[in-house]
Amino acid sequence: MSSEENIAVVVLAAGGSTRLGRPKQLVEFKGKTLLKHTMDEVVRVGFQTKILVLGARQEEIQGKIDSSGFKAVINTDWKQGMASSIKVGLEAAMGEEEGLNHVLFLVSDQPFLESKNLIKLVQTQLRENPKATYSQYGENIGVPAIFGKEAFPLLLNLKGDEGAKKLMHMEDFKYCTEVFKKGGFDVDTEADVQQLKQMEI
């Protein structure tokens, strides 16, 4: 992606993984942690501004992840929910890149994410110019998702556990979707980890 498009990427990795009981960011799949896999796919696309939002167990995660190329920012309010991480990430991106036009948000526990998923989102966003382009997996719509600058104030106003999906239900919020077939598989529980291990073969 060329820098003229003014797209920043924010990887949201601040959550406490309460259901799993250990940092899902550091769960390994095919010899790589889930967080590192996500970051590597971002790097493949070639974005200029890359933000990594950490919170829970950030020292442990930073000790095991090479975050070079990413600006790591800490969400001290991570217990407040996803909205606080979105805000910290977006504000960091806006501070890094003047005239920012789009922000692409990812989470750190989608093991089947590929750079092509990100490229498709960006292409649709630039071509159609909606307020957002979300990933669609089955009946669900979610991240990765890219937002135009018109949506920035709405993102900054999210509260608690509200994710950016909430904006879809607002009147006059035009959005597009791109299919991400395996996007619905994420890691929340030990059963998910075991299922993931079986997919390594």
N, C-alpha and C. Protein backbone atom coordinates (compact mmCIF):
# COMPACT_ATOMS: atom_id res chain seq x y z
N MET A 1 0.84 -1.19 0.00
CA MET A 1 0.00 0.00 0.00
C MET A 1 0.88 1.25 0.00
N SER A 2 0.58 2.16 -0.86
CA SER A 2 1.40 3.37 -0.92
C SER A 2 0.99 4.34 0.18
N SER A 3 1.93 5.16 0.59
CA SER A 3 1.67 6.07 1.71
C SER A 3 0.68 7.16 1.33
N GLU A 4 0.47 7.39 0.02
CA GLU A 4 -0.45 8.47 -0.39
C GLU A 4 -1.88 8.21 0.10
N GLU A 5 -2.18 6.95 0.32
CA GLU A 5 -3.55 6.63 0.72
C GLU A 5 -3.83 6.97 2.19
N ASN A 6 -2.76 7.26 2.95
CA ASN A 6 -2.92 7.67 4.35
C ASN A 6 -3.77 6.70 5.16
N ILE A 7 -3.36 5.43 5.14
CA ILE A 7 -4.05 4.39 5.89
C ILE A 7 -3.15 3.95 7.04
N ALA A 8 -3.68 3.99 8.24
CA ALA A 8 -2.95 3.45 9.40
C ALA A 8 -3.58 2.13 9.81
N VAL A 9 -2.78 1.29 10.44
CA VAL A 9 -3.27 0.00 10.94
C VAL A 9 -3.15 -0.01 12.45
N VAL A 10 -4.20 -0.52 13.11
CA VAL A 10 -4.19 -0.65 14.56
C VAL A 10 -4.49 -2.10 14.92
N VAL A 11 -3.53 -2.75 15.58
CA VAL A 11 -3.74 -4.12 16.06
C VAL A 11 -4.15 -4.04 17.53
N LEU A 12 -5.36 -4.50 17.82
CA LEU A 12 -5.91 -4.44 19.17
C LEU A 12 -5.53 -5.72 19.92
N ALA A 13 -4.63 -5.58 20.89
CA ALA A 13 -4.14 -6.76 21.61
C ALA A 13 -4.04 -6.48 23.11
N ALA A 14 -5.02 -5.73 23.63
CA ALA A 14 -4.96 -5.30 25.03
C ALA A 14 -5.79 -6.14 25.98
N GLY A 15 -6.61 -7.04 25.45
CA GLY A 15 -7.56 -7.76 26.28
C GLY A 15 -6.92 -8.71 27.27
N GLY A 16 -7.69 -9.05 28.30
CA GLY A 16 -7.18 -9.86 29.40
C GLY A 16 -7.33 -11.36 29.23
N SER A 17 -7.95 -11.81 28.12
CA SER A 17 -8.11 -13.25 27.85
C SER A 17 -8.67 -13.98 29.08
N THR A 18 -9.70 -13.41 29.69
CA THR A 18 -10.21 -13.94 30.96
C THR A 18 -10.75 -15.36 30.82
N ARG A 19 -11.40 -15.66 29.72
CA ARG A 19 -11.97 -17.00 29.54
C ARG A 19 -10.88 -18.04 29.32
N LEU A 20 -9.77 -17.64 28.73
CA LEU A 20 -8.68 -18.57 28.47
C LEU A 20 -7.78 -18.75 29.70
N GLY A 21 -7.61 -17.66 30.46
CA GLY A 21 -6.79 -17.74 31.66
C GLY A 21 -5.31 -17.51 31.42
N ARG A 22 -4.93 -17.24 30.19
CA ARG A 22 -3.55 -16.88 29.82
C ARG A 22 -3.63 -16.04 28.56
N PRO A 23 -2.59 -15.29 28.22
CA PRO A 23 -2.71 -14.37 27.08
C PRO A 23 -2.93 -15.09 25.74
N LYS A 24 -4.09 -14.87 25.17
CA LYS A 24 -4.36 -15.50 23.87
C LYS A 24 -3.39 -14.96 22.80
N GLN A 25 -2.87 -13.75 23.03
CA GLN A 25 -1.92 -13.16 22.09
C GLN A 25 -0.69 -14.05 21.89
N LEU A 26 -0.37 -14.86 22.92
CA LEU A 26 0.84 -15.68 22.90
C LEU A 26 0.57 -17.15 22.60
N VAL A 27 -0.69 -17.49 22.33
CA VAL A 27 -0.99 -18.87 21.90
C VAL A 27 -0.28 -19.11 20.56
N GLU A 28 0.34 -20.28 20.44
CA GLU A 28 1.11 -20.57 19.22
C GLU A 28 0.32 -21.41 18.23
N PHE A 29 0.49 -21.09 16.97
CA PHE A 29 -0.11 -21.84 15.86
C PHE A 29 0.92 -21.89 14.74
N LYS A 30 1.27 -23.10 14.37
CA LYS A 30 2.28 -23.30 13.31
C LYS A 30 3.59 -22.58 13.62
N GLY A 31 4.00 -22.71 14.90
CA GLY A 31 5.31 -22.20 15.30
C GLY A 31 5.41 -20.69 15.51
N LYS A 32 4.27 -20.04 15.58
CA LYS A 32 4.27 -18.58 15.72
C LYS A 32 3.13 -18.16 16.64
N THR A 33 3.34 -17.16 17.47
CA THR A 33 2.22 -16.69 18.30
C THR A 33 1.16 -16.04 17.42
N LEU A 34 -0.07 -16.05 17.91
CA LEU A 34 -1.17 -15.45 17.14
C LEU A 34 -0.93 -13.97 16.88
N LEU A 35 -0.40 -13.28 17.90
CA LEU A 35 -0.14 -11.84 17.72
C LEU A 35 0.93 -11.61 16.66
N LYS A 36 1.99 -12.38 16.71
CA LYS A 36 3.07 -12.22 15.72
C LYS A 36 2.57 -12.53 14.32
N HIS A 37 1.72 -13.54 14.21
CA HIS A 37 1.13 -13.88 12.90
C HIS A 37 0.36 -12.68 12.34
N THR A 38 -0.47 -12.08 13.19
CA THR A 38 -1.25 -10.91 12.76
C THR A 38 -0.33 -9.78 12.31
N MET A 39 0.69 -9.51 13.11
CA MET A 39 1.62 -8.42 12.78
C MET A 39 2.36 -8.71 11.48
N ASP A 40 2.75 -9.94 11.27
CA ASP A 40 3.47 -10.30 10.04
C ASP A 40 2.60 -10.10 8.80
N GLU A 41 1.31 -10.44 8.91
CA GLU A 41 0.41 -10.25 7.76
C GLU A 41 0.22 -8.76 7.47
N VAL A 42 0.19 -7.94 8.51
CA VAL A 42 0.11 -6.48 8.33
C VAL A 42 1.35 -5.97 7.61
N VAL A 43 2.52 -6.43 8.05
CA VAL A 43 3.79 -5.98 7.45
C VAL A 43 3.84 -6.33 5.96
N ARG A 44 3.31 -7.48 5.60
CA ARG A 44 3.32 -7.91 4.19
C ARG A 44 2.62 -6.92 3.27
N VAL A 45 1.62 -6.23 3.81
CA VAL A 45 0.85 -5.29 2.97
C VAL A 45 1.60 -3.98 2.77
N GLY A 46 2.44 -3.60 3.72
CA GLY A 46 3.29 -2.43 3.54
C GLY A 46 2.71 -1.11 4.00
N PHE A 47 1.94 -1.13 5.07
CA PHE A 47 1.40 0.12 5.61
C PHE A 47 2.51 0.95 6.26
N GLN A 48 2.38 2.26 6.18
CA GLN A 48 3.39 3.15 6.77
C GLN A 48 3.26 3.22 8.29
N THR A 49 2.03 3.50 8.76
CA THR A 49 1.78 3.69 10.19
C THR A 49 1.14 2.44 10.76
N LYS A 50 1.83 1.85 11.75
CA LYS A 50 1.35 0.60 12.35
C LYS A 50 1.37 0.75 13.87
N ILE A 51 0.20 0.61 14.49
CA ILE A 51 0.04 0.79 15.93
C ILE A 51 -0.32 -0.56 16.56
N LEU A 52 0.32 -0.86 17.67
CA LEU A 52 0.00 -2.06 18.44
C LEU A 52 -0.50 -1.61 19.81
N VAL A 53 -1.76 -1.94 20.12
CA VAL A 53 -2.34 -1.55 21.41
C VAL A 53 -2.25 -2.73 22.38
N LEU A 54 -1.50 -2.53 23.45
CA LEU A 54 -1.35 -3.54 24.48
C LEU A 54 -1.99 -3.05 25.78
N GLY A 55 -2.24 -3.97 26.69
CA GLY A 55 -2.83 -3.59 27.98
C GLY A 55 -2.54 -4.65 29.02
N ALA A 56 -3.40 -5.66 29.10
CA ALA A 56 -3.20 -6.75 30.06
C ALA A 56 -1.89 -7.48 29.77
N ARG A 57 -1.13 -7.73 30.82
CA ARG A 57 0.13 -8.48 30.73
C ARG A 57 1.06 -7.96 29.63
N GLN A 58 1.07 -6.64 29.50
CA GLN A 58 1.83 -6.06 28.38
C GLN A 58 3.33 -6.33 28.48
N GLU A 59 3.86 -6.38 29.69
CA GLU A 59 5.29 -6.64 29.83
C GLU A 59 5.64 -8.06 29.38
N GLU A 60 4.80 -9.01 29.75
CA GLU A 60 5.01 -10.40 29.33
C GLU A 60 4.94 -10.52 27.80
N ILE A 61 3.94 -9.85 27.22
CA ILE A 61 3.76 -9.93 25.77
C ILE A 61 4.91 -9.24 25.05
N GLN A 62 5.29 -8.04 25.51
CA GLN A 62 6.40 -7.33 24.87
C GLN A 62 7.71 -8.09 24.99
N GLY A 63 7.85 -8.87 26.06
CA GLY A 63 9.06 -9.65 26.24
C GLY A 63 9.18 -10.80 25.26
N LYS A 64 8.04 -11.19 24.67
CA LYS A 64 8.04 -12.35 23.78
C LYS A 64 7.75 -12.00 22.32
N ILE A 65 7.44 -10.75 22.06
CA ILE A 65 7.07 -10.33 20.71
C ILE A 65 8.04 -9.25 20.22
N ASP A 66 8.53 -9.42 19.01
CA ASP A 66 9.34 -8.37 18.38
C ASP A 66 8.37 -7.39 17.72
N SER A 67 8.24 -6.22 18.31
CA SER A 67 7.26 -5.26 17.79
C SER A 67 7.92 -4.18 16.93
N SER A 68 9.12 -4.41 16.47
CA SER A 68 9.80 -3.40 15.64
C SER A 68 8.96 -3.12 14.39
N GLY A 69 8.89 -1.85 14.03
CA GLY A 69 8.05 -1.42 12.92
C GLY A 69 6.67 -0.97 13.37
N PHE A 70 6.30 -1.34 14.60
CA PHE A 70 5.02 -0.94 15.17
C PHE A 70 5.27 0.03 16.31
N LYS A 71 4.39 1.00 16.44
CA LYS A 71 4.43 1.87 17.63
C LYS A 71 3.54 1.20 18.68
N ALA A 72 4.15 0.73 19.76
CA ALA A 72 3.37 0.09 20.82
C ALA A 72 2.83 1.15 21.78
N VAL A 73 1.53 1.12 22.01
CA VAL A 73 0.90 2.04 22.96
C VAL A 73 0.15 1.20 23.99
N ILE A 74 0.09 1.70 25.21
CA ILE A 74 -0.51 0.93 26.30
C ILE A 74 -1.87 1.52 26.67
N ASN A 75 -2.87 0.66 26.67
CA ASN A 75 -4.20 1.05 27.13
C ASN A 75 -4.31 0.68 28.61
N THR A 76 -4.11 1.65 29.48
CA THR A 76 -4.17 1.38 30.92
C THR A 76 -5.60 1.10 31.38
N ASP A 77 -6.59 1.45 30.54
CA ASP A 77 -7.99 1.21 30.88
C ASP A 77 -8.56 -0.02 30.17
N TRP A 78 -7.70 -0.99 29.84
CA TRP A 78 -8.15 -2.13 29.04
C TRP A 78 -9.31 -2.89 29.69
N LYS A 79 -9.40 -2.83 31.03
CA LYS A 79 -10.51 -3.53 31.71
C LYS A 79 -11.87 -2.91 31.37
N GLN A 80 -11.86 -1.68 30.87
CA GLN A 80 -13.11 -1.00 30.51
C GLN A 80 -13.74 -1.59 29.25
N GLY A 81 -12.95 -2.36 28.48
CA GLY A 81 -13.51 -2.99 27.29
C GLY A 81 -12.90 -2.50 25.99
N MET A 82 -13.42 -3.07 24.92
CA MET A 82 -12.87 -2.85 23.57
C MET A 82 -12.85 -1.39 23.16
N ALA A 83 -13.87 -0.62 23.54
CA ALA A 83 -13.96 0.78 23.11
C ALA A 83 -12.73 1.57 23.53
N SER A 84 -12.21 1.29 24.73
CA SER A 84 -11.05 2.04 25.21
C SER A 84 -9.82 1.75 24.34
N SER A 85 -9.67 0.52 23.87
CA SER A 85 -8.53 0.17 23.01
C SER A 85 -8.67 0.80 21.62
N ILE A 86 -9.89 0.83 21.13
CA ILE A 86 -10.14 1.48 19.83
C ILE A 86 -9.74 2.96 19.92
N LYS A 87 -10.14 3.60 21.00
CA LYS A 87 -9.83 5.02 21.19
C LYS A 87 -8.33 5.26 21.30
N VAL A 88 -7.64 4.47 22.12
CA VAL A 88 -6.19 4.62 22.29
C VAL A 88 -5.48 4.40 20.95
N GLY A 89 -5.89 3.38 20.22
CA GLY A 89 -5.26 3.07 18.93
C GLY A 89 -5.50 4.14 17.90
N LEU A 90 -6.74 4.62 17.80
CA LEU A 90 -7.07 5.64 16.82
C LEU A 90 -6.35 6.95 17.13
N GLU A 91 -6.32 7.34 18.41
CA GLU A 91 -5.64 8.58 18.79
C GLU A 91 -4.14 8.49 18.49
N ALA A 92 -3.55 7.32 18.72
CA ALA A 92 -2.13 7.13 18.42
C ALA A 92 -1.88 7.23 16.91
N ALA A 93 -2.78 6.63 16.13
CA ALA A 93 -2.64 6.68 14.67
C ALA A 93 -2.76 8.11 14.15
N MET A 94 -3.72 8.85 14.69
CA MET A 94 -3.92 10.24 14.26
C MET A 94 -2.70 11.09 14.65
N GLY A 95 -2.09 10.76 15.77
CA GLY A 95 -0.90 11.48 16.20
C GLY A 95 0.32 11.18 15.35
N GLU A 96 0.36 9.98 14.78
CA GLU A 96 1.50 9.55 13.98
C GLU A 96 1.43 10.06 12.54
N GLU A 97 0.22 10.16 12.03
CA GLU A 97 0.07 10.48 10.61
C GLU A 97 -0.90 11.64 10.40
N GLU A 98 -0.35 12.73 9.96
CA GLU A 98 -1.17 13.92 9.70
C GLU A 98 -2.03 13.67 8.47
N GLY A 99 -3.25 14.14 8.49
CA GLY A 99 -4.13 13.96 7.34
C GLY A 99 -4.56 12.52 7.14
N LEU A 100 -4.70 11.80 8.22
CA LEU A 100 -5.07 10.39 8.14
C LEU A 100 -6.47 10.23 7.54
N ASN A 101 -6.59 9.35 6.55
CA ASN A 101 -7.87 9.16 5.87
C ASN A 101 -8.61 7.90 6.29
N HIS A 102 -7.87 6.87 6.67
CA HIS A 102 -8.48 5.58 6.99
C HIS A 102 -7.70 4.90 8.12
N VAL A 103 -8.42 4.13 8.93
CA VAL A 103 -7.76 3.28 9.92
C VAL A 103 -8.32 1.86 9.79
N LEU A 104 -7.41 0.91 9.72
CA LEU A 104 -7.76 -0.50 9.63
C LEU A 104 -7.52 -1.15 10.99
N PHE A 105 -8.57 -1.70 11.59
CA PHE A 105 -8.46 -2.34 12.90
C PHE A 105 -8.42 -3.87 12.76
N LEU A 106 -7.52 -4.48 13.53
CA LEU A 106 -7.44 -5.93 13.59
C LEU A 106 -7.41 -6.36 15.05
N VAL A 107 -7.73 -7.63 15.29
CA VAL A 107 -7.53 -8.22 16.62
C VAL A 107 -6.40 -9.25 16.49
N SER A 108 -5.97 -9.77 17.62
CA SER A 108 -4.75 -10.59 17.61
C SER A 108 -5.02 -12.08 17.67
N ASP A 109 -6.28 -12.51 17.52
CA ASP A 109 -6.55 -13.94 17.69
C ASP A 109 -7.35 -14.54 16.54
N GLN A 110 -7.03 -14.12 15.31
CA GLN A 110 -7.63 -14.73 14.13
C GLN A 110 -6.52 -15.48 13.37
N PRO A 111 -6.34 -16.77 13.68
CA PRO A 111 -5.20 -17.50 13.14
C PRO A 111 -5.20 -17.66 11.63
N PHE A 112 -6.36 -17.51 11.00
CA PHE A 112 -6.43 -17.73 9.55
C PHE A 112 -6.42 -16.42 8.75
N LEU A 113 -6.08 -15.34 9.42
CA LEU A 113 -5.94 -14.06 8.73
C LEU A 113 -4.80 -14.13 7.72
N GLU A 114 -5.05 -13.58 6.53
CA GLU A 114 -4.00 -13.49 5.51
C GLU A 114 -3.94 -12.06 5.00
N SER A 115 -2.79 -11.69 4.49
CA SER A 115 -2.63 -10.32 3.97
C SER A 115 -3.66 -10.01 2.88
N LYS A 116 -4.05 -11.04 2.12
CA LYS A 116 -5.03 -10.79 1.04
C LYS A 116 -6.38 -10.32 1.59
N ASN A 117 -6.72 -10.77 2.82
CA ASN A 117 -7.97 -10.28 3.44
C ASN A 117 -7.89 -8.77 3.66
N LEU A 118 -6.74 -8.30 4.09
CA LEU A 118 -6.55 -6.87 4.36
C LEU A 118 -6.56 -6.07 3.06
N ILE A 119 -5.92 -6.61 2.05
CA ILE A 119 -5.86 -5.91 0.75
C ILE A 119 -7.26 -5.75 0.17
N LYS A 120 -8.08 -6.80 0.27
CA LYS A 120 -9.45 -6.72 -0.25
C LYS A 120 -10.26 -5.65 0.48
N LEU A 121 -10.11 -5.59 1.80
CA LEU A 121 -10.82 -4.56 2.58
C LEU A 121 -10.42 -3.16 2.13
N VAL A 122 -9.12 -2.95 1.99
CA VAL A 122 -8.61 -1.64 1.59
C VAL A 122 -9.11 -1.27 0.19
N GLN A 123 -9.03 -2.21 -0.73
CA GLN A 123 -9.46 -1.93 -2.11
C GLN A 123 -10.93 -1.54 -2.17
N THR A 124 -11.77 -2.26 -1.43
CA THR A 124 -13.21 -1.95 -1.41
C THR A 124 -13.46 -0.59 -0.78
N GLN A 125 -12.76 -0.31 0.30
CA GLN A 125 -12.93 0.98 0.99
C GLN A 125 -12.55 2.14 0.07
N LEU A 126 -11.46 2.00 -0.65
CA LEU A 126 -11.00 3.08 -1.52
C LEU A 126 -11.88 3.22 -2.76
N ARG A 127 -12.39 2.11 -3.24
CA ARG A 127 -13.22 2.14 -4.45
C ARG A 127 -14.62 2.67 -4.17
N GLU A 128 -15.22 2.18 -3.09
CA GLU A 128 -16.64 2.49 -2.80
C GLU A 128 -16.79 3.72 -1.90
N ASN A 129 -15.75 4.02 -1.13
CA ASN A 129 -15.74 5.16 -0.22
C ASN A 129 -16.91 5.17 0.78
N PRO A 130 -17.20 4.03 1.43
CA PRO A 130 -18.21 4.04 2.49
C PRO A 130 -17.57 4.57 3.78
N LYS A 131 -18.36 4.62 4.84
CA LYS A 131 -17.76 5.01 6.13
C LYS A 131 -16.90 3.88 6.71
N ALA A 132 -17.22 2.64 6.31
CA ALA A 132 -16.44 1.50 6.80
C ALA A 132 -16.60 0.32 5.86
N THR A 133 -15.61 -0.56 5.89
CA THR A 133 -15.72 -1.86 5.23
C THR A 133 -15.33 -2.93 6.25
N TYR A 134 -16.26 -3.83 6.51
CA TYR A 134 -16.08 -4.88 7.51
C TYR A 134 -15.80 -6.23 6.84
N SER A 135 -15.24 -7.15 7.62
CA SER A 135 -15.12 -8.53 7.18
C SER A 135 -16.43 -9.26 7.49
N GLN A 136 -16.78 -10.21 6.62
CA GLN A 136 -17.98 -11.01 6.86
C GLN A 136 -17.61 -12.48 6.87
N TYR A 137 -18.04 -13.17 7.93
CA TYR A 137 -17.82 -14.62 8.01
C TYR A 137 -19.14 -15.27 8.41
N GLY A 138 -19.71 -15.99 7.46
CA GLY A 138 -21.03 -16.58 7.70
C GLY A 138 -22.05 -15.49 7.93
N GLU A 139 -22.78 -15.62 9.03
CA GLU A 139 -23.82 -14.63 9.37
C GLU A 139 -23.24 -13.41 10.07
N ASN A 140 -21.98 -13.50 10.47
CA ASN A 140 -21.39 -12.44 11.30
C ASN A 140 -20.57 -11.44 10.49
N ILE A 141 -20.54 -10.23 11.01
CA ILE A 141 -19.74 -9.16 10.43
C ILE A 141 -18.85 -8.60 11.53
N GLY A 142 -17.57 -8.37 11.20
CA GLY A 142 -16.67 -7.86 12.24
C GLY A 142 -15.31 -7.47 11.70
N VAL A 143 -14.30 -7.71 12.51
CA VAL A 143 -12.93 -7.34 12.15
C VAL A 143 -12.25 -8.47 11.37
N PRO A 144 -11.22 -8.12 10.63
CA PRO A 144 -10.67 -6.79 10.39
C PRO A 144 -11.70 -5.88 9.71
N ALA A 145 -11.59 -4.60 10.01
CA ALA A 145 -12.48 -3.61 9.42
C ALA A 145 -11.73 -2.30 9.25
N ILE A 146 -12.04 -1.61 8.17
CA ILE A 146 -11.38 -0.33 7.87
C ILE A 146 -12.42 0.79 7.89
N PHE A 147 -12.04 1.92 8.48
CA PHE A 147 -12.96 3.05 8.66
C PHE A 147 -12.39 4.30 8.02
N GLY A 148 -13.26 5.04 7.33
CA GLY A 148 -12.88 6.33 6.79
C GLY A 148 -12.91 7.39 7.88
N LYS A 149 -12.30 8.55 7.59
CA LYS A 149 -12.16 9.58 8.64
C LYS A 149 -13.50 10.13 9.11
N GLU A 150 -14.54 10.02 8.28
CA GLU A 150 -15.88 10.45 8.73
C GLU A 150 -16.33 9.65 9.95
N ALA A 151 -15.83 8.43 10.07
CA ALA A 151 -16.24 7.56 11.18
C ALA A 151 -15.39 7.76 12.43
N PHE A 152 -14.30 8.50 12.33
CA PHE A 152 -13.39 8.65 13.48
C PHE A 152 -14.10 9.19 14.73
N PRO A 153 -14.91 10.27 14.61
CA PRO A 153 -15.59 10.77 15.82
C PRO A 153 -16.53 9.73 16.44
N LEU A 154 -17.15 8.91 15.60
CA LEU A 154 -18.05 7.87 16.10
C LEU A 154 -17.27 6.81 16.85
N LEU A 155 -16.10 6.44 16.33
CA LEU A 155 -15.25 5.46 17.00
C LEU A 155 -14.78 5.98 18.36
N LEU A 156 -14.44 7.25 18.39
CA LEU A 156 -13.94 7.85 19.65
C LEU A 156 -15.03 7.95 20.71
N ASN A 157 -16.30 7.88 20.28
CA ASN A 157 -17.42 7.98 21.22
C ASN A 157 -17.93 6.63 21.72
N LEU A 158 -17.35 5.53 21.25
CA LEU A 158 -17.78 4.22 21.72
C LEU A 158 -17.49 4.09 23.21
N LYS A 159 -18.29 3.27 23.89
CA LYS A 159 -18.14 3.11 25.34
C LYS A 159 -18.04 1.64 25.73
N GLY A 160 -17.30 1.36 26.79
CA GLY A 160 -17.27 0.02 27.40
C GLY A 160 -16.89 -1.08 26.42
N ASP A 161 -17.75 -2.10 26.37
CA ASP A 161 -17.47 -3.25 25.51
C ASP A 161 -18.00 -3.06 24.09
N GLU A 162 -18.45 -1.87 23.78
CA GLU A 162 -18.94 -1.62 22.42
C GLU A 162 -17.78 -1.72 21.43
N GLY A 163 -17.95 -2.58 20.45
CA GLY A 163 -16.97 -2.64 19.37
C GLY A 163 -17.45 -1.78 18.22
N ALA A 164 -16.64 -1.71 17.20
CA ALA A 164 -16.96 -0.85 16.06
C ALA A 164 -18.13 -1.38 15.23
N LYS A 165 -18.56 -2.62 15.55
CA LYS A 165 -19.72 -3.18 14.87
C LYS A 165 -20.97 -2.36 15.17
N LYS A 166 -21.00 -1.73 16.32
CA LYS A 166 -22.18 -0.97 16.74
C LYS A 166 -22.55 0.10 15.71
N LEU A 167 -21.52 0.64 15.04
CA LEU A 167 -21.77 1.75 14.12
C LEU A 167 -22.64 1.33 12.94
N MET A 168 -22.59 0.04 12.58
CA MET A 168 -23.38 -0.44 11.44
C MET A 168 -24.86 -0.18 11.61
N HIS A 169 -25.30 -0.15 12.86
CA HIS A 169 -26.73 -0.02 13.14
C HIS A 169 -27.19 1.44 13.20
N MET A 170 -26.26 2.35 13.00
CA MET A 170 -26.62 3.77 13.03
C MET A 170 -27.23 4.19 11.70
N GLU A 171 -28.16 5.11 11.80
CA GLU A 171 -28.80 5.62 10.59
C GLU A 171 -27.75 6.33 9.72
N ASP A 172 -27.86 6.16 8.43
CA ASP A 172 -26.96 6.82 7.46
C ASP A 172 -25.51 6.35 7.57
N PHE A 173 -25.27 5.20 8.20
CA PHE A 173 -23.89 4.69 8.25
C PHE A 173 -23.73 3.70 7.10
N LYS A 174 -23.18 4.20 6.01
CA LYS A 174 -23.00 3.35 4.83
C LYS A 174 -21.75 2.50 5.01
N TYR A 175 -21.90 1.19 4.82
CA TYR A 175 -20.73 0.32 4.95
C TYR A 175 -20.75 -0.77 3.89
N CYS A 176 -19.60 -1.35 3.65
CA CYS A 176 -19.45 -2.48 2.73
C CYS A 176 -18.91 -3.67 3.51
N THR A 177 -18.93 -4.83 2.88
CA THR A 177 -18.33 -6.01 3.51
C THR A 177 -17.48 -6.77 2.49
N GLU A 178 -16.52 -7.52 3.02
CA GLU A 178 -15.70 -8.42 2.21
C GLU A 178 -15.66 -9.78 2.92
N VAL A 179 -15.82 -10.84 2.18
CA VAL A 179 -15.85 -12.18 2.78
C VAL A 179 -14.47 -12.58 3.29
N PHE A 180 -14.44 -13.08 4.53
CA PHE A 180 -13.24 -13.65 5.15
C PHE A 180 -13.70 -14.99 5.72
N LYS A 181 -13.59 -16.04 4.90
CA LYS A 181 -14.24 -17.32 5.19
C LYS A 181 -13.95 -17.87 6.58
N LYS A 182 -12.70 -17.83 7.00
CA LYS A 182 -12.35 -18.43 8.30
C LYS A 182 -12.20 -17.38 9.39
N GLY A 183 -12.74 -16.20 9.16
CA GLY A 183 -12.60 -15.12 10.14
C GLY A 183 -13.35 -15.35 11.42
N GLY A 184 -14.33 -16.24 11.38
CA GLY A 184 -15.13 -16.50 12.57
C GLY A 184 -14.42 -17.34 13.62
N PHE A 185 -13.29 -17.95 13.23
CA PHE A 185 -12.57 -18.76 14.22
C PHE A 185 -11.60 -17.87 14.98
N ASP A 186 -11.87 -17.70 16.26
CA ASP A 186 -10.93 -16.97 17.11
C ASP A 186 -10.71 -17.80 18.37
N VAL A 187 -9.83 -17.34 19.23
CA VAL A 187 -9.41 -18.14 20.37
C VAL A 187 -9.87 -17.48 21.66
N ASP A 188 -10.90 -18.05 22.28
CA ASP A 188 -11.41 -17.52 23.54
C ASP A 188 -11.25 -18.49 24.70
N THR A 189 -11.23 -19.80 24.40
CA THR A 189 -11.22 -20.82 25.46
C THR A 189 -10.13 -21.86 25.18
N GLU A 190 -9.88 -22.70 26.19
CA GLU A 190 -8.90 -23.79 26.02
C GLU A 190 -9.37 -24.76 24.94
N ALA A 191 -10.68 -24.94 24.82
CA ALA A 191 -11.22 -25.82 23.77
C ALA A 191 -10.86 -25.27 22.38
N ASP A 192 -10.91 -23.94 22.24
CA ASP A 192 -10.52 -23.32 20.96
C ASP A 192 -9.04 -23.59 20.66
N VAL A 193 -8.21 -23.51 21.70
CA VAL A 193 -6.77 -23.76 21.53
C VAL A 193 -6.55 -25.20 21.07
N GLN A 194 -7.24 -26.13 21.70
CA GLN A 194 -7.08 -27.55 21.33
C GLN A 194 -7.55 -27.80 19.90
N GLN A 195 -8.65 -27.15 19.53
CA GLN A 195 -9.15 -27.29 18.16
C GLN A 195 -8.13 -26.72 17.17
N LEU A 196 -7.53 -25.62 17.55
CA LEU A 196 -6.51 -24.98 16.69
C LEU A 196 -5.30 -25.90 16.51
N LYS A 197 -4.88 -26.53 17.61
CA LYS A 197 -3.72 -27.44 17.54
C LYS A 197 -3.97 -28.57 16.54
N GLN A 198 -5.22 -29.04 16.50
CA GLN A 198 -5.57 -30.13 15.59
C GLN A 198 -5.53 -29.67 14.13
N MET A 199 -5.65 -28.37 13.91
CA MET A 199 -5.63 -27.83 12.55
C MET A 199 -4.21 -27.60 12.03
N GLU A 200 -3.22 -27.79 12.90
CA GLU A 200 -1.83 -27.57 12.48
C GLU A 200 -1.34 -28.63 11.51
N ILE A 201 -1.97 -29.78 11.57
CA ILE A 201 -1.48 -30.92 10.79
C ILE A 201 -1.77 -30.72 9.31
